[in-house]
C-alpha atoms as a PDB file:
ATOM      1  CA  PRO A   1       0.047   0.037   0.090  1.00  0.00           C
ATOM      2  CA  GLY A   2       1.092   3.646  -0.748  1.00  0.00           C
ATOM      3  CA  ILE A   3       3.470   2.285  -3.451  1.00  0.00           C
ATOM      4  CA  ALA A   4       3.413   4.331  -6.856  1.00  0.00           C
ATOM      5  CA  ARG A   5       3.910   3.094 -10.228  1.00  0.00           C
ATOM      6  CA  ALA A   6       4.747   5.537 -13.124  1.00  0.00           C
ATOM      7  CA  SER A   7       3.006   4.777 -16.258  1.00  0.00           C
ATOM      8  CA  VAL A   8       4.920   6.265 -19.211  1.00  0.00           C
ATOM      9  CA  PRO A   9       2.659   6.493 -22.323  1.00  0.00           C
ATOM     10  CA  PRO A  10       4.308   6.121 -25.636  1.00  0.00           C
ATOM     11  CA  TYR A  11       3.256   9.586 -26.427  1.00  0.00           C
ATOM     12  CA  PRO A  12       1.980  12.613 -24.674  1.00  0.00           C
ATOM     13  CA  THR A  13      -1.681  12.323 -23.427  1.00  0.00           C
ATOM     14  CA  ARG A  14      -3.758  15.080 -24.681  1.00  0.00           C
ATOM     15  CA  GLY A  15      -3.908  18.017 -22.077  1.00  0.00           C
ATOM     16  CA  MET A  16      -1.058  16.384 -20.091  1.00  0.00           C
ATOM     17  CA  SER A  17       2.620  16.867 -19.811  1.00  0.00           C
ATOM     18  CA  SER A  18       5.100  14.454 -21.473  1.00  0.00           C
ATOM     19  CA  CYS A  19       7.072  14.334 -18.505  1.00  0.00           C
ATOM     20  CA  PRO A  20       6.872  10.663 -16.840  1.00  0.00           C
ATOM     21  CA  ALA A  21       6.420  12.250 -13.546  1.00  0.00           C
ATOM     22  CA  MET A  22       3.100  13.555 -14.297  1.00  0.00           C
ATOM     23  CA  HIS A  23       1.508  10.163 -15.126  1.00  0.00           C
ATOM     24  CA  LEU A  24       1.776   8.395 -11.550  1.00  0.00           C
ATOM     25  CA  GLN A  25      -0.692   6.028 -10.892  1.00  0.00           C
ATOM     26  CA  TRP A  26      -0.905   4.781  -7.056  1.00  0.00           C
ATOM     27  CA  THR A  27      -0.521   0.983  -7.181  1.00  0.00           C
ATOM     28  CA  SER A  28       1.540  -1.586  -5.358  1.00  0.00           C
ATOM     29  CA  PRO A  29       5.192  -1.661  -6.662  1.00  0.00           C
ATOM     30  CA  LEU A  30       6.976   1.374  -8.293  1.00  0.00           C
ATOM     31  CA  VAL A  31       8.295   0.558 -11.901  1.00  0.00           C
ATOM     32  CA  TRP A  32      10.726   3.134 -13.361  1.00  0.00           C
ATOM     33  CA  ARG A  33      12.344   2.547 -16.610  1.00  0.00           C
ATOM     34  CA  GLY A  34      11.765  -1.312 -16.152  1.00  0.00           C
ATOM     35  CA  ARG A  35      13.012  -1.673 -12.570  1.00  0.00           C
ATOM     36  CA  ARG A  36      11.307  -2.211  -9.447  1.00  0.00           C
ATOM     37  CA  ARG A  37      11.940   0.192  -6.611  1.00  0.00           C
ATOM     38  CA  ALA A  38      10.653   0.721  -3.250  1.00  0.00           C
ATOM     39  CA  ALA A  39       8.852   3.974  -2.926  1.00  0.00           C
ATOM     40  CA  THR A  40      10.597   5.902  -0.295  1.00  0.00           C
ATOM     41  CA  PRO A  41       9.240   9.346   1.127  1.00  0.00           C
ATOM     42  CA  ALA A  42      12.100  11.114  -0.610  1.00  0.00           C
ATOM     43  CA  LEU A  43      11.182   9.724  -4.099  1.00  0.00           C
ATOM     44  CA  THR A  44       7.545  10.583  -3.408  1.00  0.00           C
ATOM     45  CA  ALA A  45       8.460  14.129  -2.406  1.00  0.00           C
ATOM     46  CA  VAL A  46      10.453  14.413  -5.802  1.00  0.00           C
ATOM     47  CA  MET A  47       7.757  13.031  -7.844  1.00  0.00           C
ATOM     48  CA  MET A  48       5.058  15.580  -6.136  1.00  0.00           C
ATOM     49  CA  ALA A  49       7.595  18.364  -6.690  1.00  0.00           C
ATOM     50  CA  LEU A  50       7.964  17.757 -10.439  1.00  0.00           C
ATOM     51  CA  MET A  51       3.964  17.560 -10.922  1.00  0.00           C
ATOM     52  CA  LEU A  52       3.821  20.919  -8.903  1.00  0.00           C
ATOM     53  CA  CYS A  53       6.631  22.351 -11.276  1.00  0.00           C
ATOM     54  CA  GLY A  54       4.709  21.290 -14.373  1.00  0.00           C
ATOM     55  CA  TRP A  55       1.486  22.462 -13.331  1.00  0.00           C
ATOM     56  CA  TYR A  56       3.219  26.014 -12.363  1.00  0.00           C
ATOM     57  CA  LEU A  57       4.873  26.404 -15.809  1.00  0.00           C
ATOM     58  CA  THR A  58       2.019  25.312 -17.788  1.00  0.00           C
ATOM     59  CA  ASN A  59      -0.242  27.904 -15.950  1.00  0.00           C
ATOM     60  CA  ARG A  60       2.370  30.568 -16.003  1.00  0.00           C
ATOM     61  CA  VAL A  61       3.274  30.281 -19.930  1.00  0.00           C
ATOM     62  CA  GLY A  62      -0.467  30.109 -20.606  1.00  0.00           C
ATOM     63  CA  SER A  63      -0.976  33.415 -18.815  1.00  0.00           C
ATOM     64  CA  ALA A  64       1.839  35.269 -20.291  1.00  0.00           C
ATOM     65  CA  LEU A  65       0.537  34.198 -23.792  1.00  0.00           C
ATOM     66  CA  ALA A  66      -2.942  35.581 -22.998  1.00  0.00           C
ATOM     67  CA  TYR A  67      -1.551  38.814 -21.785  1.00  0.00           C
ATOM     68  CA  THR A  68       0.572  39.195 -24.865  1.00  0.00           C
ATOM     69  CA  ARG A  69      -2.547  38.621 -27.059  1.00  0.00           C
ATOM     70  CA  VAL A  70      -4.657  41.121 -25.272  1.00  0.00           C
ATOM     71  CA  THR A  71      -2.016  43.955 -25.147  1.00  0.00           C
ATOM     72  CA  THR A  72      -0.963  43.270 -28.828  1.00  0.00           C
ATOM     73  CA  SER A  73      -4.853  43.582 -30.022  1.00  0.00           C
ATOM     74  CA  SER A  74      -5.320  46.626 -27.692  1.00  0.00           C
ATOM     75  CA  SER A  75      -2.112  48.548 -28.976  1.00  0.00           C
ATOM     76  CA  ALA A  76      -3.382  47.600 -32.919  1.00  0.00           C
ATOM     77  CA  ARG A  77      -6.576  49.650 -32.045  1.00  0.00           C
ATOM     78  CA  VAL A  78      -6.320  53.153 -33.586  1.00  0.00           C
ATOM     79  CA  ARG A  79      -8.994  55.830 -33.197  1.00  0.00           C
ATOM     80  CA  LEU A  80      -9.436  57.064 -36.733  1.00  0.00           C
ATOM     81  CA  PRO A  81     -10.007  60.753 -37.181  1.00  0.00           C
ATOM     82  CA  ASN A  82     -13.424  62.408 -38.909  1.00  0.00           C
ATOM     83  CA  PHE A  83     -12.857  65.111 -41.678  1.00  0.00           C
ATOM     84  CA  SER A  84     -16.350  66.194 -41.300  1.00  0.00           C
ATOM     85  CA  GLY A  85     -16.990  69.903 -41.384  1.00  0.00           C
ATOM     86  CA  VAL A  86     -16.196  73.009 -43.502  1.00  0.00           C
ATOM     87  CA  TRP A  87     -12.492  73.724 -44.278  1.00  0.00           C
ATOM     88  CA  ARG A  88     -10.986  76.909 -45.816  1.00  0.00           C
ATOM     89  CA  SER A  89      -7.345  76.906 -47.244  1.00  0.00           C
ATOM     90  CA  VAL A  90      -5.059  79.206 -45.215  1.00  0.00           C
ATOM     91  CA  ARG A  91      -1.706  78.179 -46.509  1.00  0.00           C
ATOM     92  CA  THR A  92       0.027  76.334 -49.371  1.00  0.00           C
ATOM     93  CA  GLU A  93       3.710  74.992 -49.232  1.00  0.00           C
ATOM     94  CA  ASN A  94       5.708  74.811 -52.551  1.00  0.00           C
ATOM     95  CA  LEU A  95       2.581  75.685 -54.911  1.00  0.00           C
ATOM     96  CA  ILE A  96       4.391  77.145 -57.816  1.00  0.00           C
ATOM     97  CA  ASP A  97       6.973  74.425 -58.124  1.00  0.00           C
ATOM     98  CA  PHE A  98       4.380  71.595 -58.049  1.00  0.00           C
ATOM     99  CA  MET A  99       2.001  73.273 -60.493  1.00  0.00           C
ATOM    100  CA  LEU A 100       4.920  73.934 -62.991  1.00  0.00           C
ATOM    101  CA  ALA A 101       5.668  70.236 -62.553  1.00  0.00           C
ATOM    102  CA  THR A 102       2.030  69.296 -63.705  1.00  0.00           C
ATOM    103  CA  ASP A 103       2.199  71.330 -66.765  1.00  0.00           C
ATOM    104  CA  TYR A 104       0.380  74.539 -65.451  1.00  0.00           C
ATOM    105  CA  SER A 105       1.958  77.756 -66.734  1.00  0.00           C
ATOM    106  CA  SER A 106       3.795  80.128 -64.702  1.00  0.00           C
ATOM    107  CA  MET A 107       1.111  82.580 -64.940  1.00  0.00           C
ATOM    108  CA  MET A 108      -1.482  80.267 -63.763  1.00  0.00           C
ATOM    109  CA  ALA A 109       0.832  78.940 -60.909  1.00  0.00           C
ATOM    110  CA  ASN A 110       1.132  82.648 -59.670  1.00  0.00           C
ATOM    111  CA  ALA A 111      -2.418  83.378 -60.011  1.00  0.00           C
ATOM    112  CA  ALA A 112      -3.292  80.603 -57.993  1.00  0.00           C
ATOM    113  CA  PHE A 113      -2.128  82.347 -54.838  1.00  0.00           C
ATOM    114  CA  ALA A 114      -5.055  84.354 -55.172  1.00  0.00           C
ATOM    115  CA  THR A 115      -7.480  81.545 -55.171  1.00  0.00           C
ATOM    116  CA  ARG A 116      -9.365  80.373 -51.913  1.00  0.00           C
ATOM    117  CA  ILE A 117     -10.516  76.829 -51.443  1.00  0.00           C
ATOM    118  CA  THR A 118     -13.275  75.794 -49.303  1.00  0.00           C
ATOM    119  CA  GLN A 119     -14.197  71.990 -48.799  1.00  0.00           C
ATOM    120  CA  THR A 120     -17.513  70.935 -47.142  1.00  0.00           C
ATOM    121  CA  ILE A 121     -17.064  67.232 -46.064  1.00  0.00           C
ATOM    122  CA  ASP A 122     -19.412  64.875 -44.791  1.00  0.00           C
ATOM    123  CA  HIS A 123     -17.258  61.909 -43.741  1.00  0.00           C
ATOM    124  CA  ARG A 124     -18.876  58.712 -42.610  1.00  0.00           C
ATOM    125  CA  GLY A 125     -16.747  55.870 -41.885  1.00  0.00           C
ATOM    126  CA  ASP A 126     -15.152  54.749 -45.289  1.00  0.00           C
ATOM    127  CA  HIS A 127     -17.013  57.216 -47.603  1.00  0.00           C
ATOM    128  CA  TRP A 128     -17.453  60.884 -47.754  1.00  0.00           C
ATOM    129  CA  GLU A 129     -19.412  63.305 -49.925  1.00  0.00           C
ATOM    130  CA  TRP A 130     -17.993  66.850 -50.245  1.00  0.00           C
ATOM    131  CA  THR A 131     -18.590  69.986 -51.932  1.00  0.00           C
ATOM    132  CA  VAL A 132     -15.313  71.849 -53.213  1.00  0.00           C
ATOM    133  CA  GLU A 133     -15.940  75.880 -53.771  1.00  0.00           C
ATOM    134  CA  VAL A 134     -13.127  77.568 -55.628  1.00  0.00           C
ATOM    135  CA  THR A 135     -13.197  81.494 -55.213  1.00  0.00           C
ATOM    136  CA  HIS A 136     -10.592  83.495 -57.300  1.00  0.00           C
ATOM    137  CA  PRO A 137     -10.769  87.330 -58.648  1.00  0.00           C
ATOM    138  CA  MET A 138     -12.726  86.276 -61.646  1.00  0.00           C
ATOM    139  CA  GLY A 139     -15.543  84.538 -59.657  1.00  0.00           C
ATOM    140  CA  SER A 140     -16.137  81.116 -58.100  1.00  0.00           C
ATOM    141  CA  GLN A 141     -17.170  77.733 -59.155  1.00  0.00           C
ATOM    142  CA  SER A 142     -18.058  74.605 -57.234  1.00  0.00           C
ATOM    143  CA  ARG A 143     -18.184  70.965 -57.618  1.00  0.00           C
ATOM    144  CA  LYS A 144     -19.572  67.775 -55.922  1.00  0.00           C
ATOM    145  CA  GLY A 145     -18.041  64.405 -55.384  1.00  0.00           C
ATOM    146  CA  LEU A 146     -18.494  61.158 -53.572  1.00  0.00           C
ATOM    147  CA  VAL A 147     -15.243  59.155 -52.515  1.00  0.00           C
ATOM    148  CA  VAL A 148     -15.797  55.323 -51.314  1.00  0.00           C
ATOM    149  CA  PHE A 149     -12.656  53.860 -49.879  1.00  0.00           C
ATOM    150  CA  GLY A 150     -11.346  50.867 -51.869  1.00  0.00           C
ATOM    151  CA  THR A 151     -12.724  52.348 -55.234  1.00  0.00           C
ATOM    152  CA  PRO A 152     -10.124  51.386 -58.116  1.00  0.00           C
ATOM    153  CA  GLU A 153     -10.688  54.764 -59.740  1.00  0.00           C
ATOM    154  CA  ILE A 154     -12.792  57.626 -58.770  1.00  0.00           C
ATOM    155  CA  PRO A 155     -13.087  60.730 -61.469  1.00  0.00           C
ATOM    156  CA  LEU A 156     -12.112  64.137 -60.125  1.00  0.00           C
ATOM    157  CA  LYS A 157     -11.314  67.563 -61.259  1.00  0.00           C
ATOM    158  CA  ASP A 158      -8.588  69.595 -59.912  1.00  0.00           C
ATOM    159  CA  ASP A 159      -9.218  73.215 -58.658  1.00  0.00           C
ATOM    160  CA  GLY A 160      -8.149  74.259 -62.301  1.00  0.00           C
ATOM    161  CA  GLY A 161     -10.724  72.003 -63.913  1.00  0.00           C
ATOM    162  CA  ARG A 162      -8.217  69.376 -65.113  1.00  0.00           C
ATOM    163  CA  ASP A 163      -9.370  65.701 -65.238  1.00  0.00           C
ATOM    164  CA  MET A 164      -8.094  63.498 -62.525  1.00  0.00           C
ATOM    165  CA  LEU A 165      -8.451  59.958 -61.093  1.00  0.00           C
ATOM    166  CA  LEU A 166      -8.153  59.104 -57.416  1.00  0.00           C
ATOM    167  CA  MET A 167      -7.073  55.708 -57.040  1.00  0.00           C
ATOM    168  CA  ASN A 168      -8.041  53.209 -54.221  1.00  0.00           C
ATOM    169  CA  PRO A 169      -8.317  55.597 -51.264  1.00  0.00           C
ATOM    170  CA  ARG A 170      -7.862  53.697 -48.014  1.00  0.00           C
ATOM    171  CA  TRP A 171      -6.601  54.065 -44.307  1.00  0.00           C
ATOM    172  CA  ASN A 172      -2.877  53.895 -43.557  1.00  0.00           C
ATOM    173  CA  ASN A 173      -3.262  54.324 -39.746  1.00  0.00           C
ATOM    174  CA  THR A 174      -4.733  57.589 -39.306  1.00  0.00           C
ATOM    175  CA  VAL A 175      -3.877  58.850 -42.792  1.00  0.00           C
ATOM    176  CA  ILE A 176      -6.404  58.597 -45.872  1.00  0.00           C
ATOM    177  CA  THR A 177      -3.961  57.739 -48.654  1.00  0.00           C
ATOM    178  CA  ALA A 178      -4.521  57.294 -52.418  1.00  0.00           C
ATOM    179  CA  GLY A 179      -3.117  57.330 -55.807  1.00  0.00           C
ATOM    180  CA  LEU A 180      -3.468  60.687 -57.915  1.00  0.00           C
ATOM    181  CA  MET A 181      -3.439  60.797 -61.610  1.00  0.00           C
ATOM    182  CA  TYR A 182      -3.605  63.572 -64.158  1.00  0.00           C
ATOM    183  CA  VAL A 183      -5.256  62.032 -67.215  1.00  0.00           C
ATOM    184  CA  LYS A 184      -3.998  64.361 -70.044  1.00  0.00           C
ATOM    185  CA  PRO A 185      -1.148  64.964 -69.820  1.00  0.00           C
ATOM    186  CA  ARG A 186      -0.461  62.165 -67.587  1.00  0.00           C
ATOM    187  CA  HIS A 187       1.134  62.657 -64.144  1.00  0.00           C
ATOM    188  CA  ASP A 188       1.439  59.740 -61.469  1.00  0.00           C
ATOM    189  CA  MET A 189       1.108  61.233 -57.966  1.00  0.00           C
ATOM    190  CA  HIS A 190       0.261  60.217 -54.442  1.00  0.00           C
ATOM    191  CA  ILE A 191      -1.870  62.200 -51.945  1.00  0.00           C
ATOM    192  CA  ASP A 192      -2.447  61.981 -48.253  1.00  0.00           C
ATOM    193  CA  ARG A 193      -5.038  63.619 -46.095  1.00  0.00           C
ATOM    194  CA  TYR A 194      -4.460  63.897 -42.332  1.00  0.00           C
ATOM    195  CA  LEU A 195      -5.096  66.235 -39.199  1.00  0.00           C
ATOM    196  CA  GLU A 196      -2.102  68.317 -37.959  1.00  0.00           C
ATOM    197  CA  ASP A 197      -2.419  70.834 -35.042  1.00  0.00           C
ATOM    198  CA  ALA A 198      -6.265  70.854 -35.294  1.00  0.00           C
ATOM    199  CA  HIS A 199      -5.603  71.683 -39.392  1.00  0.00           C
ATOM    200  CA  MET A 200      -6.573  69.468 -42.061  1.00  0.00           C
ATOM    201  CA  VAL A 201      -3.811  68.937 -44.702  1.00  0.00           C
ATOM    202  CA  GLU A 202      -3.732  67.648 -48.273  1.00  0.00           C
ATOM    203  CA  HIS A 203      -0.149  66.462 -48.814  1.00  0.00           C
ATOM    204  CA  MET A 204       0.565  65.770 -52.618  1.00  0.00           C
ATOM    205  CA  ARG A 205       3.942  63.941 -53.673  1.00  0.00           C
ATOM    206  CA  TYR A 206       5.149  63.746 -57.479  1.00  0.00           C
ATOM    207  CA  PRO A 207       7.913  61.051 -57.039  1.00  0.00           C
ATOM    208  CA  ALA A 208       9.148  61.130 -60.788  1.00  0.00           C
ATOM    209  CA  LYS A 209       9.645  64.966 -60.480  1.00  0.00           C
ATOM    210  CA  SER A 210      10.806  64.703 -56.763  1.00  0.00           C
ATOM    211  CA  VAL A 211       8.171  67.574 -55.878  1.00  0.00           C
ATOM    212  CA  GLU A 212       5.618  67.632 -53.395  1.00  0.00           C
ATOM    213  CA  MET A 213       3.045  70.331 -52.119  1.00  0.00           C
ATOM    214  CA  ARG A 214       1.139  70.772 -48.907  1.00  0.00           C
ATOM    215  CA  ARG A 215      -2.080  72.717 -48.607  1.00  0.00           C
ATOM    216  CA  ILE A 216      -3.474  73.476 -45.187  1.00  0.00           C
ATOM    217  CA  PHE A 217      -6.931  73.920 -44.247  1.00  0.00           C
ATOM    218  CA  LYS A 218      -8.642  75.641 -41.147  1.00  0.00           C
ATOM    219  CA  LYS A 219     -12.053  74.288 -39.994  1.00  0.00           C
ATOM    220  CA  ILE A 220     -14.395  77.185 -39.996  1.00  0.00           C
ATOM    221  CA  GLY A 221     -17.686  75.257 -39.508  1.00  0.00           C
END
């Protein structure tokens, strides 16, 4: 009575450790690697210690993995900005160089400094409707558009009325990013839209000509 026999299965039992000490069965003789041994208090204590050690490691590692999954998923959550509102252009950076690179004349590029752009945006999740009003010394004009994220090509016009395509608008972290192409003559560009210091920024890049432009808008409504 009180003698333990270690039953070592040929493969680990599901949900149990593969350590032989984790499969003790309390029967008469102790069989350990084919040899009969008398169960001593010291040997029994060793077996119990191994069992407790295995239980502790299993639970500790499982808890650590669960914590990693939770913290990783939490850090991956990003609060996306909403661009709804009325935005008016207050400053443009590198306007002339960018317009010249896209085949506007020097006269048109310089006249653009007197142009005011107002964008009214209704942003709902992955799509938005907007109205763009262009005001210049000769008068004003407006146009409406609908942008649905993930659409391969969305026809647009720039502030001068030239045809463009907005390609595959999508989220990149907290930035709305898309390809931008002038149709004729063709110019392949890239545009990002993001918030910076309570302002909305349109950031256009033309990699082939190493030129970029930023247009900054202030929210007025």
